[in-house]
Amino acid sequence: MQFILVTYDIENDRRRTKIHKVLEGYGVAVQYSVFECFLSDQDYATLRHRLRKLMDSKHPLDSIRYYRLCRSCVEKVDTDGNRPFAVASPFIIA
């Protein structure tokens, strides 16, 4: 498993909502357009494929970014506010 932070900025409301719904099946929303995900290599590939299909190449400002965080980085995450950060499952960075 790997920890991936997924962020997106999508101009169109309908496409943005569809992307959000897909991501709900893969991770936890920590802000509306930011998800924390623990994914296998296969799940990561499937997620990217599904999200690419929802993108519209006519909108040059649309973007989805995937940040892979190593175990050491994940263990150093600091949070403020009412949503504590908790590692739900062990993972391995290959």
N, C-alpha and C. Protein backbone atom coordinates (compact mmCIF):
# COMPACT_ATOMS: atom_id res chain seq x y z
N MET A 1 0.85 -1.18 0.00
CA MET A 1 0.00 0.00 0.00
C MET A 1 0.89 1.23 0.00
N GLN A 2 0.36 2.27 -0.57
CA GLN A 2 1.08 3.54 -0.58
C GLN A 2 0.12 4.66 -0.21
N PHE A 3 0.66 5.69 0.41
CA PHE A 3 -0.14 6.84 0.81
C PHE A 3 -0.04 7.87 -0.30
N ILE A 4 -1.18 8.28 -0.82
CA ILE A 4 -1.20 9.26 -1.90
C ILE A 4 -2.19 10.36 -1.55
N LEU A 5 -1.71 11.57 -1.62
CA LEU A 5 -2.56 12.74 -1.42
C LEU A 5 -3.01 13.18 -2.81
N VAL A 6 -4.32 13.22 -3.02
CA VAL A 6 -4.87 13.59 -4.33
C VAL A 6 -5.56 14.94 -4.18
N THR A 7 -5.17 15.87 -5.05
CA THR A 7 -5.81 17.19 -5.06
C THR A 7 -6.33 17.45 -6.46
N TYR A 8 -7.38 18.23 -6.55
CA TYR A 8 -7.90 18.55 -7.88
C TYR A 8 -8.48 19.95 -7.90
N ASP A 9 -8.44 20.53 -9.08
CA ASP A 9 -9.04 21.84 -9.35
C ASP A 9 -9.73 21.69 -10.70
N ILE A 10 -11.05 21.60 -10.66
CA ILE A 10 -11.85 21.35 -11.86
C ILE A 10 -12.84 22.50 -12.02
N GLU A 11 -12.84 23.09 -13.19
CA GLU A 11 -13.65 24.28 -13.45
C GLU A 11 -15.16 24.01 -13.45
N ASN A 12 -15.57 22.92 -14.04
CA ASN A 12 -16.99 22.62 -14.23
C ASN A 12 -17.58 21.92 -13.00
N ASP A 13 -18.69 22.42 -12.49
CA ASP A 13 -19.32 21.86 -11.29
C ASP A 13 -19.69 20.39 -11.45
N ARG A 14 -20.27 20.02 -12.58
CA ARG A 14 -20.71 18.64 -12.80
C ARG A 14 -19.52 17.68 -12.81
N ARG A 15 -18.47 18.04 -13.54
CA ARG A 15 -17.29 17.18 -13.59
C ARG A 15 -16.59 17.12 -12.22
N ARG A 16 -16.54 18.26 -11.53
CA ARG A 16 -15.93 18.30 -10.20
C ARG A 16 -16.67 17.37 -9.24
N THR A 17 -17.99 17.37 -9.29
CA THR A 17 -18.78 16.49 -8.42
C THR A 17 -18.53 15.03 -8.76
N LYS A 18 -18.44 14.70 -10.04
CA LYS A 18 -18.18 13.31 -10.45
C LYS A 18 -16.82 12.85 -9.95
N ILE A 19 -15.83 13.70 -10.07
CA ILE A 19 -14.48 13.37 -9.60
C ILE A 19 -14.49 13.16 -8.10
N HIS A 20 -15.18 14.01 -7.38
CA HIS A 20 -15.28 13.88 -5.92
C HIS A 20 -15.91 12.54 -5.55
N LYS A 21 -16.97 12.17 -6.24
CA LYS A 21 -17.65 10.90 -5.94
C LYS A 21 -16.75 9.69 -6.21
N VAL A 22 -15.98 9.73 -7.28
CA VAL A 22 -15.04 8.63 -7.56
C VAL A 22 -14.02 8.54 -6.42
N LEU A 23 -13.47 9.67 -6.03
CA LEU A 23 -12.44 9.68 -4.99
C LEU A 23 -12.97 9.20 -3.64
N GLU A 24 -14.25 9.40 -3.37
CA GLU A 24 -14.83 8.92 -2.11
C GLU A 24 -14.70 7.40 -1.98
N GLY A 25 -14.62 6.70 -3.10
CA GLY A 25 -14.46 5.26 -3.07
C GLY A 25 -13.03 4.81 -2.85
N TYR A 26 -12.10 5.74 -2.83
CA TYR A 26 -10.68 5.39 -2.71
C TYR A 26 -9.99 5.99 -1.49
N GLY A 27 -10.58 7.01 -0.89
CA GLY A 27 -9.89 7.66 0.21
C GLY A 27 -10.83 8.49 1.07
N VAL A 28 -10.21 9.32 1.90
CA VAL A 28 -10.94 10.16 2.85
C VAL A 28 -10.77 11.62 2.44
N ALA A 29 -11.89 12.33 2.31
CA ALA A 29 -11.82 13.75 1.99
C ALA A 29 -11.40 14.51 3.24
N VAL A 30 -10.30 15.26 3.14
CA VAL A 30 -9.87 16.08 4.26
C VAL A 30 -10.19 17.54 4.01
N GLN A 31 -10.43 17.88 2.77
CA GLN A 31 -11.02 19.13 2.33
C GLN A 31 -11.80 18.76 1.08
N TYR A 32 -12.63 19.66 0.58
CA TYR A 32 -13.47 19.25 -0.53
C TYR A 32 -12.66 18.71 -1.71
N SER A 33 -11.54 19.34 -2.03
CA SER A 33 -10.78 18.90 -3.19
C SER A 33 -9.45 18.25 -2.83
N VAL A 34 -9.37 17.69 -1.62
CA VAL A 34 -8.14 17.01 -1.17
C VAL A 34 -8.53 15.69 -0.51
N PHE A 35 -7.93 14.61 -0.99
CA PHE A 35 -8.20 13.27 -0.45
C PHE A 35 -6.91 12.61 -0.01
N GLU A 36 -6.97 11.91 1.13
CA GLU A 36 -5.87 11.07 1.59
C GLU A 36 -6.26 9.63 1.26
N CYS A 37 -5.38 8.94 0.53
CA CYS A 37 -5.70 7.60 0.06
C CYS A 37 -4.57 6.63 0.36
N PHE A 38 -4.92 5.44 0.84
CA PHE A 38 -4.00 4.31 0.92
C PHE A 38 -4.37 3.38 -0.22
N LEU A 39 -3.46 3.23 -1.19
CA LEU A 39 -3.80 2.50 -2.42
C LEU A 39 -2.74 1.47 -2.78
N SER A 40 -3.20 0.35 -3.31
CA SER A 40 -2.29 -0.60 -3.93
C SER A 40 -1.90 -0.03 -5.30
N ASP A 41 -0.89 -0.60 -5.91
CA ASP A 41 -0.50 -0.15 -7.25
C ASP A 41 -1.66 -0.29 -8.23
N GLN A 42 -2.40 -1.39 -8.14
CA GLN A 42 -3.54 -1.62 -9.04
C GLN A 42 -4.64 -0.59 -8.80
N ASP A 43 -4.97 -0.33 -7.53
CA ASP A 43 -6.01 0.67 -7.23
C ASP A 43 -5.59 2.06 -7.71
N TYR A 44 -4.32 2.37 -7.55
CA TYR A 44 -3.81 3.68 -8.01
C TYR A 44 -3.97 3.80 -9.53
N ALA A 45 -3.60 2.76 -10.26
CA ALA A 45 -3.73 2.79 -11.72
C ALA A 45 -5.20 2.91 -12.14
N THR A 46 -6.06 2.17 -11.47
CA THR A 46 -7.49 2.22 -11.78
C THR A 46 -8.07 3.60 -11.47
N LEU A 47 -7.70 4.16 -10.34
CA LEU A 47 -8.18 5.49 -9.97
C LEU A 47 -7.76 6.52 -11.02
N ARG A 48 -6.49 6.52 -11.39
CA ARG A 48 -6.02 7.50 -12.38
C ARG A 48 -6.74 7.33 -13.71
N HIS A 49 -6.97 6.10 -14.12
CA HIS A 49 -7.69 5.84 -15.37
C HIS A 49 -9.12 6.41 -15.29
N ARG A 50 -9.80 6.13 -14.19
CA ARG A 50 -11.18 6.61 -14.03
C ARG A 50 -11.24 8.13 -14.02
N LEU A 51 -10.29 8.77 -13.33
CA LEU A 51 -10.30 10.23 -13.25
C LEU A 51 -9.92 10.87 -14.58
N ARG A 52 -8.99 10.28 -15.30
CA ARG A 52 -8.61 10.81 -16.62
C ARG A 52 -9.82 10.83 -17.56
N LYS A 53 -10.65 9.81 -17.47
CA LYS A 53 -11.84 9.74 -18.33
C LYS A 53 -12.81 10.88 -18.02
N LEU A 54 -12.78 11.40 -16.80
CA LEU A 54 -13.69 12.48 -16.41
C LEU A 54 -13.13 13.87 -16.73
N MET A 55 -11.83 13.94 -17.01
CA MET A 55 -11.21 15.23 -17.33
C MET A 55 -11.68 15.69 -18.70
N ASP A 56 -11.64 17.00 -18.91
CA ASP A 56 -11.98 17.57 -20.21
C ASP A 56 -10.77 18.35 -20.70
N SER A 57 -10.15 17.87 -21.76
CA SER A 57 -8.93 18.50 -22.27
C SER A 57 -9.16 19.90 -22.81
N LYS A 58 -10.40 20.30 -22.99
CA LYS A 58 -10.71 21.65 -23.48
C LYS A 58 -10.53 22.71 -22.38
N HIS A 59 -10.40 22.27 -21.15
CA HIS A 59 -10.24 23.20 -20.03
C HIS A 59 -8.81 23.12 -19.52
N PRO A 60 -7.95 24.02 -20.01
CA PRO A 60 -6.52 23.93 -19.68
C PRO A 60 -6.22 24.17 -18.19
N LEU A 61 -7.13 24.73 -17.45
CA LEU A 61 -6.87 24.98 -16.03
C LEU A 61 -7.25 23.81 -15.14
N ASP A 62 -7.96 22.83 -15.68
CA ASP A 62 -8.32 21.65 -14.90
C ASP A 62 -7.06 20.84 -14.58
N SER A 63 -6.96 20.37 -13.34
CA SER A 63 -5.82 19.53 -13.00
C SER A 63 -6.16 18.60 -11.84
N ILE A 64 -5.52 17.45 -11.87
CA ILE A 64 -5.56 16.52 -10.75
C ILE A 64 -4.10 16.19 -10.45
N ARG A 65 -3.72 16.29 -9.18
CA ARG A 65 -2.34 16.03 -8.79
C ARG A 65 -2.31 14.90 -7.78
N TYR A 66 -1.28 14.08 -7.89
CA TYR A 66 -1.11 12.91 -7.02
C TYR A 66 0.26 13.04 -6.34
N TYR A 67 0.24 13.16 -5.04
CA TYR A 67 1.48 13.28 -4.27
C TYR A 67 1.69 12.00 -3.48
N ARG A 68 2.75 11.28 -3.79
CA ARG A 68 3.09 10.06 -3.06
C ARG A 68 3.95 10.46 -1.87
N LEU A 69 3.51 10.07 -0.69
CA LEU A 69 4.26 10.39 0.52
C LEU A 69 4.88 9.12 1.08
N CYS A 70 6.15 9.18 1.40
CA CYS A 70 6.84 8.03 1.97
C CYS A 70 6.39 7.84 3.43
N ARG A 71 6.70 6.69 3.97
CA ARG A 71 6.33 6.37 5.34
C ARG A 71 6.84 7.44 6.31
N SER A 72 8.08 7.84 6.15
CA SER A 72 8.66 8.84 7.04
C SER A 72 7.89 10.16 6.97
N CYS A 73 7.50 10.56 5.76
CA CYS A 73 6.73 11.80 5.60
C CYS A 73 5.35 11.68 6.24
N VAL A 74 4.70 10.55 6.04
CA VAL A 74 3.37 10.34 6.61
C VAL A 74 3.43 10.37 8.14
N GLU A 75 4.48 9.78 8.70
CA GLU A 75 4.62 9.76 10.16
C GLU A 75 4.88 11.14 10.74
N LYS A 76 5.27 12.11 9.90
CA LYS A 76 5.56 13.47 10.36
C LYS A 76 4.45 14.46 10.04
N VAL A 77 3.30 13.99 9.60
CA VAL A 77 2.19 14.89 9.28
C VAL A 77 1.71 15.56 10.56
N ASP A 78 1.62 16.88 10.52
CA ASP A 78 1.07 17.66 11.63
C ASP A 78 -0.27 18.20 11.20
N THR A 79 -1.22 18.24 12.11
CA THR A 79 -2.53 18.82 11.80
C THR A 79 -2.96 19.76 12.91
N ASP A 80 -3.73 20.75 12.54
CA ASP A 80 -4.39 21.64 13.48
C ASP A 80 -5.87 21.60 13.14
N GLY A 81 -6.69 21.74 14.12
CA GLY A 81 -8.12 21.72 13.87
C GLY A 81 -8.78 20.49 14.44
N ASN A 82 -9.99 20.22 13.98
CA ASN A 82 -10.82 19.17 14.56
C ASN A 82 -10.74 17.83 13.86
N ARG A 83 -9.96 17.72 12.81
CA ARG A 83 -9.85 16.45 12.08
C ARG A 83 -8.47 15.86 12.31
N PRO A 84 -8.34 14.96 13.26
CA PRO A 84 -7.02 14.38 13.51
C PRO A 84 -6.58 13.50 12.35
N PHE A 85 -5.29 13.41 12.17
CA PHE A 85 -4.71 12.55 11.13
C PHE A 85 -4.42 11.20 11.77
N ALA A 86 -4.95 10.15 11.18
CA ALA A 86 -4.72 8.81 11.70
C ALA A 86 -4.39 7.87 10.56
N VAL A 87 -3.33 7.13 10.69
CA VAL A 87 -2.97 6.14 9.69
C VAL A 87 -3.83 4.92 9.95
N ALA A 88 -4.74 4.63 9.03
CA ALA A 88 -5.72 3.57 9.24
C ALA A 88 -5.18 2.18 8.99
N SER A 89 -4.16 2.07 8.17
CA SER A 89 -3.64 0.74 7.87
C SER A 89 -2.14 0.84 7.60
N PRO A 90 -1.43 -0.24 7.86
CA PRO A 90 0.00 -0.23 7.55
C PRO A 90 0.21 -0.21 6.04
N PHE A 91 1.31 0.36 5.63
CA PHE A 91 1.59 0.39 4.21
C PHE A 91 3.08 0.27 3.97
N ILE A 92 3.41 -0.10 2.75
CA ILE A 92 4.80 -0.31 2.36
C ILE A 92 5.08 0.56 1.16
N ILE A 93 6.17 1.27 1.20
CA ILE A 93 6.60 2.05 0.04
C ILE A 93 7.60 1.19 -0.72
N ALA A 94 7.25 0.84 -1.92
CA ALA A 94 8.11 -0.05 -2.72
C ALA A 94 9.11 0.77 -3.50
